[in-house]
């Protein structure tokens, strides 16, 4: 989980841990890259707008390291206007608009986890 807002990280931690996921949080794209260089992840949820190194930095890193669209990425942001075009352009699995429903996301991620 990559977000610079501690409250958002807390919500995602509760959602994901409630369905059996282990959550590793990072507060920037840079910190996420450091974690990904030493640990294996099944997927990433990232915000886009963060200070220093943002979600776009992280998306670029993932596309270079794993191949474009090869690593499961979910983007959680409140700043995307044309969601379908943006999602295709950046090869993300799903765009989650803020604010989001914790119950809906729990169900969605439960289904996603069961498909891994």
Protein backbone atom coordinates (compact mmCIF):
# COMPACT_ATOMS: atom_id res chain seq x y z
CA UNK A 1 0.00 0.00 0.00
CA UNK A 2 1.55 3.27 -1.12
CA UNK A 3 0.04 6.52 0.12
CA UNK A 4 1.32 9.55 1.96
CA UNK A 5 -1.92 9.95 3.93
CA UNK A 6 -1.77 7.81 7.10
CA UNK A 7 -5.58 7.68 7.37
CA UNK A 8 -5.87 6.13 3.89
CA UNK A 9 -3.16 3.59 4.72
CA UNK A 10 -5.03 2.68 7.92
CA UNK A 11 -8.28 2.10 6.02
CA UNK A 12 -6.56 -0.06 3.40
CA UNK A 13 -4.68 -1.98 6.09
CA UNK A 14 -7.99 -2.82 7.81
CA UNK A 15 -9.62 -3.84 4.53
CA UNK A 16 -6.77 -6.04 3.37
CA UNK A 17 -5.91 -7.61 6.72
CA UNK A 18 -9.60 -8.51 7.19
CA UNK A 19 -9.28 -10.80 4.15
CA UNK A 20 -5.96 -12.29 5.19
CA UNK A 21 -3.44 -10.08 3.40
CA UNK A 22 -0.17 -8.96 4.88
CA UNK A 23 0.19 -5.23 4.28
CA UNK A 24 3.44 -3.38 3.84
CA UNK A 25 2.97 0.37 3.71
CA UNK A 26 5.14 2.97 1.99
CA UNK A 27 4.64 6.72 2.06
CA UNK A 28 6.12 7.48 -1.37
CA UNK A 29 6.98 5.89 -4.68
CA UNK A 30 10.64 5.97 -3.66
CA UNK A 31 10.02 4.04 -0.45
CA UNK A 32 7.87 1.54 -2.36
CA UNK A 33 10.69 0.92 -4.84
CA UNK A 34 13.11 0.31 -1.95
CA UNK A 35 10.70 -2.26 -0.49
CA UNK A 36 10.11 -3.94 -3.86
CA UNK A 37 13.85 -4.37 -4.34
CA UNK A 38 14.07 -6.57 -1.24
CA UNK A 39 10.63 -8.19 -0.91
CA UNK A 40 8.20 -10.01 -3.15
CA UNK A 41 4.68 -8.61 -3.47
CA UNK A 42 1.56 -10.08 -5.04
CA UNK A 43 0.14 -6.67 -5.99
CA UNK A 44 0.42 -2.95 -5.25
CA UNK A 45 -2.19 -0.34 -4.44
CA UNK A 46 -0.84 3.16 -4.94
CA UNK A 47 -1.92 6.75 -4.75
CA UNK A 48 -0.69 9.00 -7.55
CA UNK A 49 -0.20 12.39 -5.95
CA UNK A 50 2.49 12.19 -3.30
CA UNK A 51 5.41 14.47 -2.54
CA UNK A 52 8.92 13.60 -3.66
CA UNK A 53 8.43 10.45 -5.77
CA UNK A 54 4.81 9.94 -6.77
CA UNK A 55 2.72 7.06 -8.06
CA UNK A 56 3.75 7.77 -11.65
CA UNK A 57 7.37 7.15 -10.62
CA UNK A 58 6.30 3.82 -9.11
CA UNK A 59 4.28 2.83 -12.19
CA UNK A 60 7.28 3.55 -14.42
CA UNK A 61 9.52 1.47 -12.16
CA UNK A 62 7.09 -1.48 -12.16
CA UNK A 63 6.72 -1.36 -15.95
CA UNK A 64 10.50 -1.38 -16.42
CA UNK A 65 11.18 -4.07 -13.82
CA UNK A 66 8.34 -6.48 -14.64
CA UNK A 67 7.27 -5.42 -18.15
CA UNK A 68 4.44 -3.11 -19.04
CA UNK A 69 1.21 -4.35 -17.50
CA UNK A 70 2.79 -7.53 -16.10
CA UNK A 71 2.55 -6.64 -12.39
CA UNK A 72 -0.88 -6.24 -10.75
CA UNK A 73 -1.32 -2.56 -9.87
CA UNK A 74 -4.36 -0.81 -8.46
CA UNK A 75 -4.39 2.97 -8.41
CA UNK A 76 -6.41 4.73 -5.73
CA UNK A 77 -6.77 8.43 -6.52
CA UNK A 78 -9.24 11.25 -6.57
CA UNK A 79 -7.63 13.09 -9.49
CA UNK A 80 -8.25 11.11 -12.66
CA UNK A 81 -10.65 12.60 -15.19
CA UNK A 82 -10.93 10.07 -18.04
CA UNK A 83 -10.59 6.86 -16.09
CA UNK A 84 -10.86 4.30 -18.91
CA UNK A 85 -8.28 5.98 -21.14
CA UNK A 86 -5.95 6.58 -18.21
CA UNK A 87 -6.20 2.97 -17.04
CA UNK A 88 -5.37 1.65 -20.52
CA UNK A 89 -2.51 4.10 -21.00
CA UNK A 90 -0.86 3.16 -17.71
CA UNK A 91 -1.67 -0.58 -17.72
CA UNK A 92 -3.23 -0.76 -14.28
CA UNK A 93 -5.73 -3.42 -13.27
CA UNK A 94 -8.18 -1.06 -11.69
CA UNK A 95 -8.61 2.57 -10.82
CA UNK A 96 -10.24 3.17 -7.45
CA UNK A 97 -11.67 6.65 -7.03
CA UNK A 98 -11.41 8.40 -3.69
CA UNK A 99 -13.54 8.41 -1.68
CA UNK A 100 -14.24 4.68 -1.90
CA UNK A 101 -16.46 2.18 -0.11
CA UNK A 102 -14.50 -0.03 2.29
CA UNK A 103 -17.10 -2.79 2.05
CA UNK A 104 -17.07 -2.82 -1.74
CA UNK A 105 -13.27 -2.82 -1.85
CA UNK A 106 -13.07 -5.65 0.68
CA UNK A 107 -15.35 -7.77 -1.54
CA UNK A 108 -13.47 -6.83 -4.70
CA UNK A 109 -10.09 -7.66 -3.20
CA UNK A 110 -11.37 -10.87 -1.63
CA UNK A 111 -12.36 -11.98 -5.16
CA UNK A 112 -9.03 -10.82 -6.59
CA UNK A 113 -7.01 -12.65 -3.90
CA UNK A 114 -8.93 -15.87 -4.47
CA UNK A 115 -7.96 -15.71 -8.17
CA UNK A 116 -4.20 -15.55 -7.45
